[in-house]
Amino acid sequence: MDQIFSIPEEAVLLIRIGLAAFFSILFVQSGLDKLINFRENLSYIASHFERTSISGFAPILFVLLTITEVLAGFISVYGIFELLIHDSSGVARIGALLSMLALLFVFFGQRIAKDYGGASGITGYFLVSVLAVVIFS
């Protein structure tokens, strides 16, 4: 990162912490909401995909998405501490990669359900995740 841009190390650290915090907030909230309101969310997902080719897999895919989001969120939280204490971005990079994966899962689901507006809304989040992976590398 420092070879491409001439950015002070303190600024790079703050950007990295900000990105890890972004994914922490996004996925801890989303994952915990899915866990707390599991039945309601699962019911919505089942109805959302009932006329698609993946309708029979919707419950297991929902569980997989929930696990991925919770992991992405909490690993990103831990990544903040690793950045602050050890100036290491390895854990935050794993959080960003899991965030990217979770966003791809959501994007895939919205495309399959023909929710093209919702799918387009994921684009900004996905670009942030790509940027994060680059900045954490």
N, C-alpha and C. Protein backbone atom coordinates (compact mmCIF):
# COMPACT_ATOMS: atom_id res chain seq x y z
N MET A 1 0.83 -1.19 0.00
CA MET A 1 0.00 0.00 0.00
C MET A 1 0.87 1.25 0.00
N ASP A 2 1.89 1.26 0.81
CA ASP A 2 2.74 2.44 0.92
C ASP A 2 3.55 2.68 -0.36
N GLN A 3 3.74 1.65 -1.18
CA GLN A 3 4.49 1.81 -2.41
C GLN A 3 3.68 2.52 -3.48
N ILE A 4 2.36 2.40 -3.43
CA ILE A 4 1.50 3.01 -4.43
C ILE A 4 1.23 4.47 -4.09
N PHE A 5 0.91 4.73 -2.85
CA PHE A 5 0.57 6.07 -2.39
C PHE A 5 1.56 6.52 -1.32
N SER A 6 1.74 7.81 -1.24
CA SER A 6 2.56 8.35 -0.17
C SER A 6 1.64 8.86 0.93
N ILE A 7 1.23 7.96 1.79
CA ILE A 7 0.30 8.27 2.87
C ILE A 7 1.01 8.02 4.19
N PRO A 8 0.93 8.94 5.13
CA PRO A 8 1.57 8.71 6.44
C PRO A 8 1.06 7.42 7.09
N GLU A 9 1.96 6.75 7.79
CA GLU A 9 1.61 5.47 8.43
C GLU A 9 0.43 5.62 9.39
N GLU A 10 0.35 6.74 10.10
CA GLU A 10 -0.76 6.95 11.02
C GLU A 10 -2.10 7.01 10.28
N ALA A 11 -2.10 7.62 9.10
CA ALA A 11 -3.32 7.70 8.30
C ALA A 11 -3.73 6.32 7.80
N VAL A 12 -2.76 5.52 7.38
CA VAL A 12 -3.05 4.16 6.92
C VAL A 12 -3.64 3.36 8.07
N LEU A 13 -3.08 3.49 9.27
CA LEU A 13 -3.61 2.79 10.42
C LEU A 13 -5.06 3.21 10.70
N LEU A 14 -5.34 4.50 10.64
CA LEU A 14 -6.71 4.98 10.88
C LEU A 14 -7.67 4.49 9.81
N ILE A 15 -7.23 4.45 8.57
CA ILE A 15 -8.07 3.91 7.49
C ILE A 15 -8.36 2.44 7.73
N ARG A 16 -7.34 1.68 8.13
CA ARG A 16 -7.52 0.26 8.41
C ARG A 16 -8.49 0.04 9.57
N ILE A 17 -8.33 0.82 10.62
CA ILE A 17 -9.24 0.70 11.77
C ILE A 17 -10.66 1.06 11.34
N GLY A 18 -10.80 2.11 10.54
CA GLY A 18 -12.12 2.51 10.06
C GLY A 18 -12.79 1.44 9.23
N LEU A 19 -12.02 0.80 8.36
CA LEU A 19 -12.60 -0.28 7.55
C LEU A 19 -13.00 -1.48 8.41
N ALA A 20 -12.14 -1.85 9.35
CA ALA A 20 -12.48 -2.96 10.23
C ALA A 20 -13.70 -2.62 11.09
N ALA A 21 -13.79 -1.37 11.54
CA ALA A 21 -14.97 -0.95 12.31
C ALA A 21 -16.23 -0.98 11.45
N PHE A 22 -16.11 -0.59 10.19
CA PHE A 22 -17.24 -0.62 9.26
C PHE A 22 -17.80 -2.03 9.16
N PHE A 23 -16.92 -3.02 8.94
CA PHE A 23 -17.39 -4.40 8.82
C PHE A 23 -17.85 -4.96 10.16
N SER A 24 -17.24 -4.50 11.25
CA SER A 24 -17.69 -4.92 12.57
C SER A 24 -19.14 -4.50 12.79
N ILE A 25 -19.42 -3.24 12.54
CA ILE A 25 -20.78 -2.72 12.74
C ILE A 25 -21.76 -3.40 11.80
N LEU A 26 -21.39 -3.47 10.52
CA LEU A 26 -22.28 -4.04 9.51
C LEU A 26 -22.66 -5.47 9.83
N PHE A 27 -21.67 -6.31 10.10
CA PHE A 27 -21.95 -7.73 10.21
C PHE A 27 -22.25 -8.22 11.62
N VAL A 28 -21.78 -7.54 12.65
CA VAL A 28 -22.23 -7.93 14.00
C VAL A 28 -23.72 -7.63 14.11
N GLN A 29 -24.13 -6.44 13.67
CA GLN A 29 -25.56 -6.09 13.72
C GLN A 29 -26.40 -7.03 12.87
N SER A 30 -25.98 -7.23 11.62
CA SER A 30 -26.77 -8.06 10.71
C SER A 30 -26.82 -9.52 11.18
N GLY A 31 -25.66 -10.05 11.58
CA GLY A 31 -25.62 -11.44 12.04
C GLY A 31 -26.41 -11.65 13.31
N LEU A 32 -26.26 -10.74 14.28
CA LEU A 32 -27.02 -10.88 15.53
C LEU A 32 -28.51 -10.71 15.30
N ASP A 33 -28.90 -9.82 14.40
CA ASP A 33 -30.32 -9.67 14.07
C ASP A 33 -30.87 -10.98 13.49
N LYS A 34 -30.09 -11.62 12.64
CA LYS A 34 -30.54 -12.90 12.07
C LYS A 34 -30.67 -13.96 13.17
N LEU A 35 -29.78 -13.94 14.16
CA LEU A 35 -29.86 -14.91 15.25
C LEU A 35 -31.02 -14.61 16.20
N ILE A 36 -31.16 -13.34 16.56
CA ILE A 36 -32.21 -12.95 17.52
C ILE A 36 -33.60 -13.15 16.93
N ASN A 37 -33.75 -12.80 15.66
CA ASN A 37 -35.05 -12.93 14.98
C ASN A 37 -35.00 -14.06 13.96
N PHE A 38 -34.42 -15.19 14.37
CA PHE A 38 -34.14 -16.27 13.44
C PHE A 38 -35.39 -16.76 12.71
N ARG A 39 -36.45 -17.06 13.44
CA ARG A 39 -37.66 -17.62 12.81
C ARG A 39 -38.28 -16.64 11.82
N GLU A 40 -38.37 -15.37 12.20
CA GLU A 40 -38.95 -14.37 11.30
C GLU A 40 -38.11 -14.20 10.04
N ASN A 41 -36.80 -14.13 10.22
CA ASN A 41 -35.90 -13.97 9.08
C ASN A 41 -35.93 -15.21 8.18
N LEU A 42 -35.94 -16.38 8.78
CA LEU A 42 -35.98 -17.61 7.99
C LEU A 42 -37.29 -17.70 7.20
N SER A 43 -38.38 -17.31 7.83
CA SER A 43 -39.67 -17.30 7.14
C SER A 43 -39.66 -16.35 5.95
N TYR A 44 -39.06 -15.17 6.15
CA TYR A 44 -38.96 -14.20 5.06
C TYR A 44 -38.11 -14.77 3.92
N ILE A 45 -36.99 -15.37 4.26
CA ILE A 45 -36.09 -15.93 3.25
C ILE A 45 -36.78 -17.05 2.48
N ALA A 46 -37.49 -17.92 3.20
CA ALA A 46 -38.19 -19.03 2.55
C ALA A 46 -39.22 -18.49 1.56
N SER A 47 -39.97 -17.46 1.95
CA SER A 47 -40.97 -16.90 1.03
C SER A 47 -40.31 -16.14 -0.11
N HIS A 48 -39.19 -15.50 0.17
CA HIS A 48 -38.47 -14.72 -0.85
C HIS A 48 -37.94 -15.62 -1.97
N PHE A 49 -37.58 -16.85 -1.63
CA PHE A 49 -36.99 -17.77 -2.60
C PHE A 49 -37.92 -18.91 -3.01
N GLU A 50 -39.21 -18.86 -2.62
CA GLU A 50 -40.09 -20.00 -2.86
C GLU A 50 -40.29 -20.30 -4.35
N ARG A 51 -40.13 -19.34 -5.21
CA ARG A 51 -40.32 -19.56 -6.65
C ARG A 51 -38.99 -19.57 -7.41
N THR A 52 -37.92 -19.95 -6.73
CA THR A 52 -36.62 -19.98 -7.37
C THR A 52 -36.07 -21.41 -7.38
N SER A 53 -35.00 -21.60 -8.10
CA SER A 53 -34.37 -22.92 -8.19
C SER A 53 -33.67 -23.33 -6.89
N ILE A 54 -33.47 -22.40 -5.99
CA ILE A 54 -32.78 -22.74 -4.74
C ILE A 54 -33.74 -22.79 -3.54
N SER A 55 -35.03 -22.83 -3.80
CA SER A 55 -36.01 -22.77 -2.70
C SER A 55 -35.78 -23.86 -1.65
N GLY A 56 -35.43 -25.05 -2.07
CA GLY A 56 -35.19 -26.14 -1.13
C GLY A 56 -33.93 -25.95 -0.30
N PHE A 57 -33.01 -25.13 -0.79
CA PHE A 57 -31.75 -24.89 -0.10
C PHE A 57 -31.76 -23.60 0.71
N ALA A 58 -32.82 -22.82 0.60
CA ALA A 58 -32.87 -21.50 1.25
C ALA A 58 -32.57 -21.57 2.75
N PRO A 59 -33.15 -22.51 3.51
CA PRO A 59 -32.86 -22.53 4.94
C PRO A 59 -31.37 -22.77 5.26
N ILE A 60 -30.75 -23.71 4.57
CA ILE A 60 -29.34 -23.98 4.85
C ILE A 60 -28.46 -22.83 4.37
N LEU A 61 -28.82 -22.21 3.26
CA LEU A 61 -28.06 -21.06 2.77
C LEU A 61 -28.20 -19.88 3.73
N PHE A 62 -29.38 -19.74 4.33
CA PHE A 62 -29.60 -18.68 5.32
C PHE A 62 -28.70 -18.91 6.54
N VAL A 63 -28.62 -20.14 7.00
CA VAL A 63 -27.75 -20.47 8.14
C VAL A 63 -26.29 -20.21 7.78
N LEU A 64 -25.88 -20.59 6.58
CA LEU A 64 -24.51 -20.35 6.12
C LEU A 64 -24.21 -18.85 6.06
N LEU A 65 -25.15 -18.07 5.55
CA LEU A 65 -24.97 -16.61 5.52
C LEU A 65 -24.86 -16.05 6.93
N THR A 66 -25.71 -16.50 7.83
CA THR A 66 -25.68 -16.02 9.21
C THR A 66 -24.34 -16.31 9.87
N ILE A 67 -23.85 -17.52 9.70
CA ILE A 67 -22.54 -17.89 10.27
C ILE A 67 -21.44 -17.02 9.67
N THR A 68 -21.47 -16.83 8.36
CA THR A 68 -20.45 -16.03 7.70
C THR A 68 -20.48 -14.58 8.18
N GLU A 69 -21.68 -14.02 8.34
CA GLU A 69 -21.79 -12.64 8.81
C GLU A 69 -21.30 -12.49 10.24
N VAL A 70 -21.67 -13.41 11.11
CA VAL A 70 -21.24 -13.33 12.51
C VAL A 70 -19.71 -13.45 12.58
N LEU A 71 -19.15 -14.39 11.84
CA LEU A 71 -17.69 -14.53 11.81
C LEU A 71 -17.02 -13.28 11.26
N ALA A 72 -17.53 -12.75 10.16
CA ALA A 72 -16.95 -11.54 9.56
C ALA A 72 -16.98 -10.39 10.55
N GLY A 73 -18.10 -10.23 11.25
CA GLY A 73 -18.23 -9.13 12.20
C GLY A 73 -17.29 -9.26 13.39
N PHE A 74 -17.28 -10.42 14.02
CA PHE A 74 -16.47 -10.57 15.23
C PHE A 74 -14.97 -10.70 14.91
N ILE A 75 -14.63 -11.27 13.77
CA ILE A 75 -13.22 -11.29 13.38
C ILE A 75 -12.75 -9.87 13.07
N SER A 76 -13.62 -9.06 12.49
CA SER A 76 -13.28 -7.65 12.24
C SER A 76 -13.09 -6.89 13.54
N VAL A 77 -13.92 -7.18 14.55
CA VAL A 77 -13.74 -6.57 15.87
C VAL A 77 -12.36 -6.95 16.42
N TYR A 78 -12.04 -8.22 16.37
CA TYR A 78 -10.73 -8.67 16.85
C TYR A 78 -9.60 -8.04 16.03
N GLY A 79 -9.86 -7.86 14.73
CA GLY A 79 -8.87 -7.23 13.86
C GLY A 79 -8.53 -5.82 14.29
N ILE A 80 -9.51 -5.10 14.83
CA ILE A 80 -9.25 -3.75 15.34
C ILE A 80 -8.22 -3.80 16.47
N PHE A 81 -8.41 -4.74 17.39
CA PHE A 81 -7.47 -4.88 18.50
C PHE A 81 -6.08 -5.28 18.01
N GLU A 82 -6.01 -6.16 17.01
CA GLU A 82 -4.72 -6.55 16.44
C GLU A 82 -4.04 -5.35 15.78
N LEU A 83 -4.82 -4.52 15.13
CA LEU A 83 -4.25 -3.31 14.51
C LEU A 83 -3.71 -2.36 15.58
N LEU A 84 -4.47 -2.17 16.65
CA LEU A 84 -4.08 -1.24 17.70
C LEU A 84 -2.92 -1.75 18.55
N ILE A 85 -2.95 -3.01 18.89
CA ILE A 85 -1.96 -3.56 19.82
C ILE A 85 -0.68 -4.00 19.11
N HIS A 86 -0.84 -4.68 17.97
CA HIS A 86 0.32 -5.28 17.31
C HIS A 86 0.62 -4.66 15.94
N ASP A 87 -0.17 -3.68 15.54
CA ASP A 87 -0.01 -3.06 14.21
C ASP A 87 0.01 -4.13 13.12
N SER A 88 -0.84 -5.13 13.27
CA SER A 88 -0.93 -6.24 12.33
C SER A 88 -2.31 -6.26 11.68
N SER A 89 -2.34 -6.37 10.37
CA SER A 89 -3.62 -6.33 9.66
C SER A 89 -4.09 -7.70 9.18
N GLY A 90 -3.40 -8.76 9.57
CA GLY A 90 -3.77 -10.10 9.11
C GLY A 90 -5.17 -10.53 9.51
N VAL A 91 -5.54 -10.31 10.74
CA VAL A 91 -6.87 -10.69 11.22
C VAL A 91 -7.94 -9.82 10.55
N ALA A 92 -7.67 -8.53 10.43
CA ALA A 92 -8.62 -7.63 9.78
C ALA A 92 -8.81 -8.03 8.31
N ARG A 93 -7.74 -8.51 7.67
CA ARG A 93 -7.85 -8.97 6.28
C ARG A 93 -8.77 -10.18 6.20
N ILE A 94 -8.67 -11.09 7.15
CA ILE A 94 -9.57 -12.25 7.17
C ILE A 94 -11.01 -11.78 7.35
N GLY A 95 -11.23 -10.80 8.23
CA GLY A 95 -12.56 -10.23 8.40
C GLY A 95 -13.08 -9.61 7.11
N ALA A 96 -12.21 -8.91 6.39
CA ALA A 96 -12.61 -8.29 5.12
C ALA A 96 -12.92 -9.36 4.06
N LEU A 97 -12.14 -10.43 4.05
CA LEU A 97 -12.41 -11.51 3.09
C LEU A 97 -13.74 -12.20 3.40
N LEU A 98 -14.01 -12.44 4.69
CA LEU A 98 -15.29 -13.02 5.07
C LEU A 98 -16.44 -12.05 4.76
N SER A 99 -16.19 -10.76 4.93
CA SER A 99 -17.20 -9.76 4.58
C SER A 99 -17.49 -9.81 3.09
N MET A 100 -16.44 -9.91 2.30
CA MET A 100 -16.61 -10.01 0.85
C MET A 100 -17.43 -11.24 0.49
N LEU A 101 -17.14 -12.36 1.14
CA LEU A 101 -17.87 -13.59 0.89
C LEU A 101 -19.35 -13.44 1.27
N ALA A 102 -19.61 -12.86 2.42
CA ALA A 102 -21.00 -12.65 2.85
C ALA A 102 -21.75 -11.76 1.86
N LEU A 103 -21.10 -10.72 1.38
CA LEU A 103 -21.72 -9.83 0.41
C LEU A 103 -21.99 -10.54 -0.91
N LEU A 104 -21.09 -11.41 -1.31
CA LEU A 104 -21.32 -12.20 -2.52
C LEU A 104 -22.51 -13.15 -2.34
N PHE A 105 -22.64 -13.74 -1.15
CA PHE A 105 -23.80 -14.59 -0.86
C PHE A 105 -25.09 -13.80 -1.01
N VAL A 106 -25.13 -12.61 -0.41
CA VAL A 106 -26.33 -11.77 -0.48
C VAL A 106 -26.61 -11.35 -1.92
N PHE A 107 -25.57 -10.93 -2.63
CA PHE A 107 -25.72 -10.53 -4.02
C PHE A 107 -26.27 -11.68 -4.86
N PHE A 108 -25.71 -12.87 -4.68
CA PHE A 108 -26.18 -14.05 -5.40
C PHE A 108 -27.66 -14.30 -5.11
N GLY A 109 -28.03 -14.25 -3.83
CA GLY A 109 -29.42 -14.49 -3.46
C GLY A 109 -30.37 -13.47 -4.07
N GLN A 110 -29.98 -12.22 -4.06
CA GLN A 110 -30.84 -11.19 -4.62
C GLN A 110 -30.97 -11.33 -6.13
N ARG A 111 -29.92 -11.72 -6.79
CA ARG A 111 -30.00 -11.95 -8.24
C ARG A 111 -30.90 -13.15 -8.54
N ILE A 112 -30.75 -14.23 -7.78
CA ILE A 112 -31.59 -15.42 -7.99
C ILE A 112 -33.06 -15.08 -7.76
N ALA A 113 -33.33 -14.26 -6.74
CA ALA A 113 -34.71 -13.87 -6.42
C ALA A 113 -35.22 -12.76 -7.35
N LYS A 114 -34.38 -12.34 -8.27
CA LYS A 114 -34.71 -11.27 -9.23
C LYS A 114 -35.01 -9.94 -8.54
N ASP A 115 -34.32 -9.72 -7.41
CA ASP A 115 -34.40 -8.45 -6.70
C ASP A 115 -33.21 -7.62 -7.17
N TYR A 116 -33.32 -7.11 -8.39
CA TYR A 116 -32.20 -6.42 -9.02
C TYR A 116 -31.86 -5.10 -8.34
N GLY A 117 -32.85 -4.42 -7.81
CA GLY A 117 -32.59 -3.19 -7.06
C GLY A 117 -31.79 -3.46 -5.80
N GLY A 118 -32.19 -4.50 -5.07
CA GLY A 118 -31.44 -4.89 -3.87
C GLY A 118 -30.03 -5.33 -4.19
N ALA A 119 -29.90 -6.07 -5.29
CA ALA A 119 -28.57 -6.53 -5.71
C ALA A 119 -27.67 -5.35 -6.05
N SER A 120 -28.22 -4.35 -6.70
CA SER A 120 -27.39 -3.20 -7.06
C SER A 120 -26.95 -2.43 -5.82
N GLY A 121 -27.75 -2.47 -4.76
CA GLY A 121 -27.38 -1.80 -3.52
C GLY A 121 -26.19 -2.43 -2.82
N ILE A 122 -25.89 -3.68 -3.14
CA ILE A 122 -24.76 -4.39 -2.54
C ILE A 122 -23.44 -3.93 -3.15
N THR A 123 -23.50 -3.36 -4.35
CA THR A 123 -22.29 -2.99 -5.08
C THR A 123 -21.36 -2.09 -4.27
N GLY A 124 -21.90 -1.07 -3.63
CA GLY A 124 -21.07 -0.16 -2.84
C GLY A 124 -20.39 -0.87 -1.69
N TYR A 125 -21.12 -1.72 -0.98
CA TYR A 125 -20.53 -2.48 0.12
C TYR A 125 -19.43 -3.40 -0.40
N PHE A 126 -19.70 -4.03 -1.55
CA PHE A 126 -18.71 -4.95 -2.11
C PHE A 126 -17.43 -4.21 -2.49
N LEU A 127 -17.58 -3.04 -3.08
CA LEU A 127 -16.39 -2.25 -3.44
C LEU A 127 -15.58 -1.86 -2.21
N VAL A 128 -16.26 -1.55 -1.11
CA VAL A 128 -15.54 -1.25 0.13
C VAL A 128 -14.79 -2.49 0.61
N SER A 129 -15.41 -3.66 0.46
CA SER A 129 -14.72 -4.88 0.89
C SER A 129 -13.49 -5.16 0.03
N VAL A 130 -13.59 -4.91 -1.27
CA VAL A 130 -12.43 -5.09 -2.15
C VAL A 130 -11.32 -4.12 -1.75
N LEU A 131 -11.70 -2.86 -1.53
CA LEU A 131 -10.71 -1.87 -1.09
C LEU A 131 -10.05 -2.29 0.22
N ALA A 132 -10.85 -2.81 1.14
CA ALA A 132 -10.30 -3.24 2.42
C ALA A 132 -9.29 -4.35 2.26
N VAL A 133 -9.60 -5.32 1.43
CA VAL A 133 -8.65 -6.42 1.21
C VAL A 133 -7.33 -5.88 0.66
N VAL A 134 -7.42 -4.92 -0.25
CA VAL A 134 -6.20 -4.31 -0.81
C VAL A 134 -5.44 -3.54 0.27
N ILE A 135 -6.14 -2.76 1.05
CA ILE A 135 -5.47 -1.93 2.08
C ILE A 135 -4.91 -2.80 3.22
N PHE A 136 -5.54 -3.92 3.51
CA PHE A 136 -5.03 -4.78 4.56
C PHE A 136 -3.88 -5.67 4.07
N SER A 137 -3.64 -5.70 2.77
CA SER A 137 -2.58 -6.56 2.21
C SER A 137 -1.23 -5.89 2.27
